Amino acid sequence: MHRDDLMTAHPPLAAGPAGPLRVGIGGPVGSGKTALVAALCRALRDELSLVVVTNDIYTEEDAEFLRRHGVLPEERIRAVRTGCCPHTAIRDDITANLDAVEDLVARHDPDLVLVESGGDNLTATFSYGLVHAQIFVLDVAGGDKVPRKGGPGVTRSDLLVINKTDLAPLVGADLQVMAADAEGVRDGRPTLFVSLREQPDAAGITEWVAARVRARRG
């Protein structure tokens, strides 16, 4: 989808909690979720007030990555150790994430909350009691057949991001096939192809998120 089309396509935000816009970012292990969170923080932190909640099963690795790279002040980053399958903590029993989000909102009154899931498969989706919109991240290295396999993460996310496009020639992935297959299963929802290594500002995704913040304010 062309970026201009992406900016004009704004379906209503899902029913969800009051307060700032909450965006869930999910996807398989290694797809680039934390890199995307970091990119969004760097691109939007001068324009918006942000907070981040990360999910790992046993560690705080993703939160530590964000803190180490200084994408936000440390007090604006909260780690949740789920101790269970990642989708459980973002969909089935959201208590730990909801507590973390609500505490950060009370402390910082942000415009935007990013909730990063732990790495999961194509079935991962967020509860709309936790977030208003969902981004699902795939990577090209998983193969060009992944979008057509569907799964709720691919088909229902508000924005599908296919990352690591620079690897396509190395893994024999056809980006046109991936684009056509994504279009076929997503019922008009947008898909963006990026290489966060080559495009660390994640411009198209940043614009999409910022537009959603503006729409919520309006």
Protein backbone atom coordinates (compact mmCIF):
# COMPACT_ATOMS: atom_id res chain seq x y z
CA MET A 1 0.00 0.00 0.00
CA HIS A 2 1.26 3.45 -0.92
CA ARG A 3 2.03 5.69 2.06
CA ASP A 4 -0.45 8.37 0.91
CA ASP A 5 -3.21 5.74 0.79
CA LEU A 6 -2.13 4.52 4.22
CA MET A 7 -2.51 7.97 5.72
CA THR A 8 -6.05 8.42 4.39
CA ALA A 9 -7.27 4.98 5.47
CA HIS A 10 -8.36 5.40 9.09
CA PRO A 11 -10.98 2.89 10.19
CA PRO A 12 -12.51 3.70 13.57
CA LEU A 13 -10.38 2.76 16.55
CA ALA A 14 -11.54 -0.38 18.32
CA ALA A 15 -13.48 0.06 21.50
CA GLY A 16 -11.02 0.01 24.35
CA PRO A 17 -9.82 1.75 27.47
CA ALA A 18 -10.06 5.48 28.04
CA GLY A 19 -7.01 7.72 28.06
CA PRO A 20 -4.07 7.82 25.65
CA LEU A 21 -3.80 5.74 22.52
CA ARG A 22 -2.51 2.25 23.31
CA VAL A 23 -0.84 0.30 20.49
CA GLY A 24 0.09 -3.36 20.82
CA ILE A 25 3.08 -4.66 18.84
CA GLY A 26 3.25 -8.43 18.36
CA GLY A 27 4.96 -10.96 16.13
CA PRO A 28 7.27 -13.96 16.12
CA VAL A 29 10.63 -14.08 17.89
CA GLY A 30 13.27 -12.12 15.96
CA SER A 31 10.86 -10.34 13.62
CA GLY A 32 11.94 -6.88 14.80
CA LYS A 33 9.35 -5.89 17.41
CA THR A 34 11.83 -4.29 19.81
CA ALA A 35 13.64 -2.58 16.95
CA LEU A 36 10.31 -1.13 15.85
CA VAL A 37 9.48 0.07 19.36
CA ALA A 38 12.89 1.73 19.54
CA ALA A 39 12.39 3.37 16.15
CA LEU A 40 8.96 4.71 17.12
CA CYS A 41 10.30 6.11 20.39
CA ARG A 42 13.19 7.89 18.67
CA ALA A 43 10.95 9.30 15.95
CA LEU A 44 8.06 10.45 18.17
CA ARG A 45 9.60 11.35 21.53
CA ASP A 46 10.09 15.02 20.60
CA GLU A 47 6.49 15.30 19.39
CA LEU A 48 4.60 13.09 21.83
CA SER A 49 4.79 11.89 25.41
CA LEU A 50 5.39 8.12 25.29
CA VAL A 51 5.62 5.15 27.64
CA VAL A 52 6.46 1.53 26.84
CA VAL A 53 5.60 -1.83 28.37
CA THR A 54 7.59 -4.87 27.21
CA ASN A 55 6.83 -8.54 27.74
CA ASP A 56 9.35 -11.36 28.18
CA ILE A 57 8.70 -14.76 29.70
CA TYR A 58 11.58 -14.91 32.19
CA THR A 59 13.84 -11.90 31.60
CA GLU A 60 13.66 -8.14 31.02
CA GLU A 61 15.80 -8.35 27.89
CA ASP A 62 13.63 -6.18 25.64
CA ALA A 63 13.22 -3.45 28.25
CA GLU A 64 16.95 -3.54 28.94
CA PHE A 65 17.65 -3.10 25.21
CA LEU A 66 15.45 0.00 25.10
CA ARG A 67 17.02 1.45 28.25
CA ARG A 68 20.54 0.71 27.07
CA HIS A 69 19.91 2.56 23.82
CA GLY A 70 18.34 5.51 25.60
CA VAL A 71 15.18 5.63 23.50
CA LEU A 72 13.21 6.99 26.47
CA PRO A 73 13.99 7.88 30.08
CA GLU A 74 14.23 4.67 32.11
CA GLU A 75 11.21 5.50 34.23
CA ARG A 76 9.02 5.46 31.10
CA ILE A 77 9.88 1.83 30.29
CA ARG A 78 8.28 -1.00 32.25
CA ALA A 79 9.05 -4.71 31.89
CA VAL A 80 6.52 -7.48 32.50
CA ARG A 81 7.77 -11.02 33.11
CA THR A 82 4.87 -13.14 31.95
CA GLY A 83 6.10 -16.56 33.11
CA CYS A 84 3.75 -18.07 30.54
CA CYS A 85 3.00 -18.20 26.83
CA PRO A 86 3.24 -14.64 25.54
CA HIS A 87 -0.28 -14.48 24.14
CA THR A 88 -1.73 -15.32 27.55
CA ALA A 89 -0.52 -12.04 29.06
CA ILE A 90 -1.75 -9.85 26.19
CA ARG A 91 -5.04 -11.58 25.43
CA ASP A 92 -6.28 -14.06 28.04
CA ASP A 93 -5.18 -12.62 31.40
CA ILE A 94 -4.04 -9.06 30.82
CA THR A 95 -3.82 -8.12 34.50
CA ALA A 96 -0.03 -7.69 34.71
CA ASN A 97 0.11 -5.62 31.53
CA LEU A 98 -2.92 -3.58 32.47
CA ASP A 99 -1.44 -2.76 35.87
CA ALA A 100 1.86 -1.69 34.25
CA VAL A 101 0.11 0.46 31.66
CA GLU A 102 -2.20 2.13 34.15
CA ASP A 103 0.67 2.91 36.52
CA LEU A 104 2.72 4.50 33.72
CA VAL A 105 -0.29 6.49 32.55
CA ALA A 106 -0.93 7.77 36.07
CA ARG A 107 2.71 8.78 36.48
CA HIS A 108 3.40 10.35 33.08
CA ASP A 109 0.07 11.24 31.41
CA PRO A 110 1.35 10.13 27.98
CA ASP A 111 -0.13 10.63 24.53
CA LEU A 112 0.91 7.14 23.42
CA VAL A 113 1.45 3.78 25.12
CA LEU A 114 3.34 1.04 23.26
CA VAL A 115 2.85 -2.52 24.53
CA GLU A 116 5.30 -5.02 23.05
CA SER A 117 4.35 -8.68 23.23
CA GLY A 118 6.83 -11.43 23.84
CA GLY A 119 7.70 -13.36 20.68
CA ASP A 120 4.80 -15.55 19.61
CA ASN A 121 3.36 -17.26 16.54
CA LEU A 122 0.72 -16.19 14.06
CA THR A 123 -2.12 -16.64 16.57
CA ALA A 124 -1.03 -13.79 18.84
CA THR A 125 -3.54 -10.97 19.26
CA PHE A 126 -4.07 -8.34 21.95
CA SER A 127 -7.18 -7.94 24.05
CA TYR A 128 -9.02 -4.73 23.22
CA GLY A 129 -9.30 -4.25 26.96
CA LEU A 130 -5.55 -3.54 26.83
CA VAL A 131 -4.97 -1.74 23.50
CA HIS A 132 -6.86 0.22 20.89
CA ALA A 133 -4.83 -0.83 17.83
CA GLN A 134 -2.50 -3.67 16.95
CA ILE A 135 0.62 -3.91 14.77
CA PHE A 136 1.88 -7.35 13.80
CA VAL A 137 5.49 -7.73 12.63
CA LEU A 138 6.74 -10.49 10.33
CA ASP A 139 10.17 -10.77 8.78
CA VAL A 140 11.12 -11.78 5.28
CA ALA A 141 13.57 -14.39 6.57
CA GLY A 142 10.57 -16.47 7.65
CA GLY A 143 9.80 -17.08 3.98
CA ASP A 144 7.40 -15.55 1.49
CA LYS A 145 4.67 -18.09 2.27
CA VAL A 146 4.01 -16.75 5.79
CA PRO A 147 1.37 -14.08 4.94
CA ARG A 148 -0.84 -16.55 3.09
CA LYS A 149 -0.82 -18.87 6.09
CA GLY A 150 -2.93 -16.24 7.81
CA GLY A 151 -3.60 -16.56 11.51
CA PRO A 152 -5.20 -13.83 13.62
CA GLY A 153 -1.99 -11.84 13.98
CA VAL A 154 -1.69 -11.53 10.20
CA THR A 155 -5.34 -11.19 9.28
CA ARG A 156 -6.74 -9.06 12.11
CA SER A 157 -3.95 -6.62 13.01
CA ASP A 158 -4.66 -3.00 12.14
CA LEU A 159 -1.25 -2.74 10.47
CA LEU A 160 0.89 -5.62 9.20
CA VAL A 161 4.60 -4.83 9.00
CA ILE A 162 6.86 -7.06 6.93
CA ASN A 163 10.39 -6.32 8.07
CA LYS A 164 13.91 -7.12 6.81
CA THR A 165 13.12 -6.60 3.14
CA ASP A 166 16.88 -6.26 2.56
CA LEU A 167 17.17 -10.01 3.20
CA ALA A 168 14.74 -11.01 0.44
CA PRO A 169 17.44 -11.74 -2.18
CA LEU A 170 19.44 -13.75 0.33
CA VAL A 171 16.58 -16.03 1.38
CA GLY A 172 14.84 -16.27 -1.98
CA ALA A 173 11.70 -14.46 -0.83
CA ASP A 174 9.47 -12.76 -3.39
CA LEU A 175 8.15 -9.50 -1.94
CA GLN A 176 5.48 -9.19 -4.64
CA VAL A 177 4.12 -12.60 -3.66
CA MET A 178 4.08 -11.55 -0.01
CA ALA A 179 2.27 -8.32 -0.86
CA ALA A 180 -0.37 -10.10 -2.93
CA ASP A 181 -0.91 -12.78 -0.31
CA ALA A 182 -1.20 -10.22 2.50
CA GLU A 183 -3.73 -8.25 0.48
CA GLY A 184 -5.70 -11.44 -0.09
CA VAL A 185 -6.12 -12.27 3.60
CA ARG A 186 -6.32 -8.83 5.25
CA ASP A 187 -9.65 -7.53 4.00
CA GLY A 188 -8.31 -4.12 3.06
CA ARG A 189 -6.20 -3.56 6.17
CA PRO A 190 -2.83 -1.93 5.37
CA THR A 191 0.53 -3.69 5.03
CA LEU A 192 3.91 -1.96 5.03
CA PHE A 193 7.24 -3.40 3.86
CA VAL A 194 10.33 -2.04 5.64
CA SER A 195 13.92 -2.72 6.50
CA LEU A 196 14.47 -1.29 9.95
CA ARG A 197 18.19 -1.81 9.45
CA GLU A 198 18.20 0.38 6.35
CA GLN A 199 15.33 2.67 7.43
CA PRO A 200 15.82 3.13 11.18
CA ASP A 201 13.30 5.99 11.28
CA ALA A 202 10.50 3.57 10.23
CA ALA A 203 8.89 6.55 8.52
CA GLY A 204 5.71 4.95 7.19
CA ILE A 205 4.94 3.19 10.45
CA THR A 206 5.70 6.33 12.44
CA GLU A 207 3.28 8.29 10.28
CA TRP A 208 0.59 5.64 10.77
CA VAL A 209 0.96 5.70 14.56
CA ALA A 210 1.07 9.51 14.74
CA ALA A 211 -2.07 9.72 12.63
CA ARG A 212 -3.85 7.35 15.00
CA VAL A 213 -2.82 9.52 17.95
CA ARG A 214 -4.25 12.57 16.17
CA ALA A 215 -7.45 10.70 15.35
CA ARG A 216 -7.91 9.70 18.99
CA ARG A 217 -7.33 13.26 20.16
CA GLY A 218 -9.93 14.41 17.67
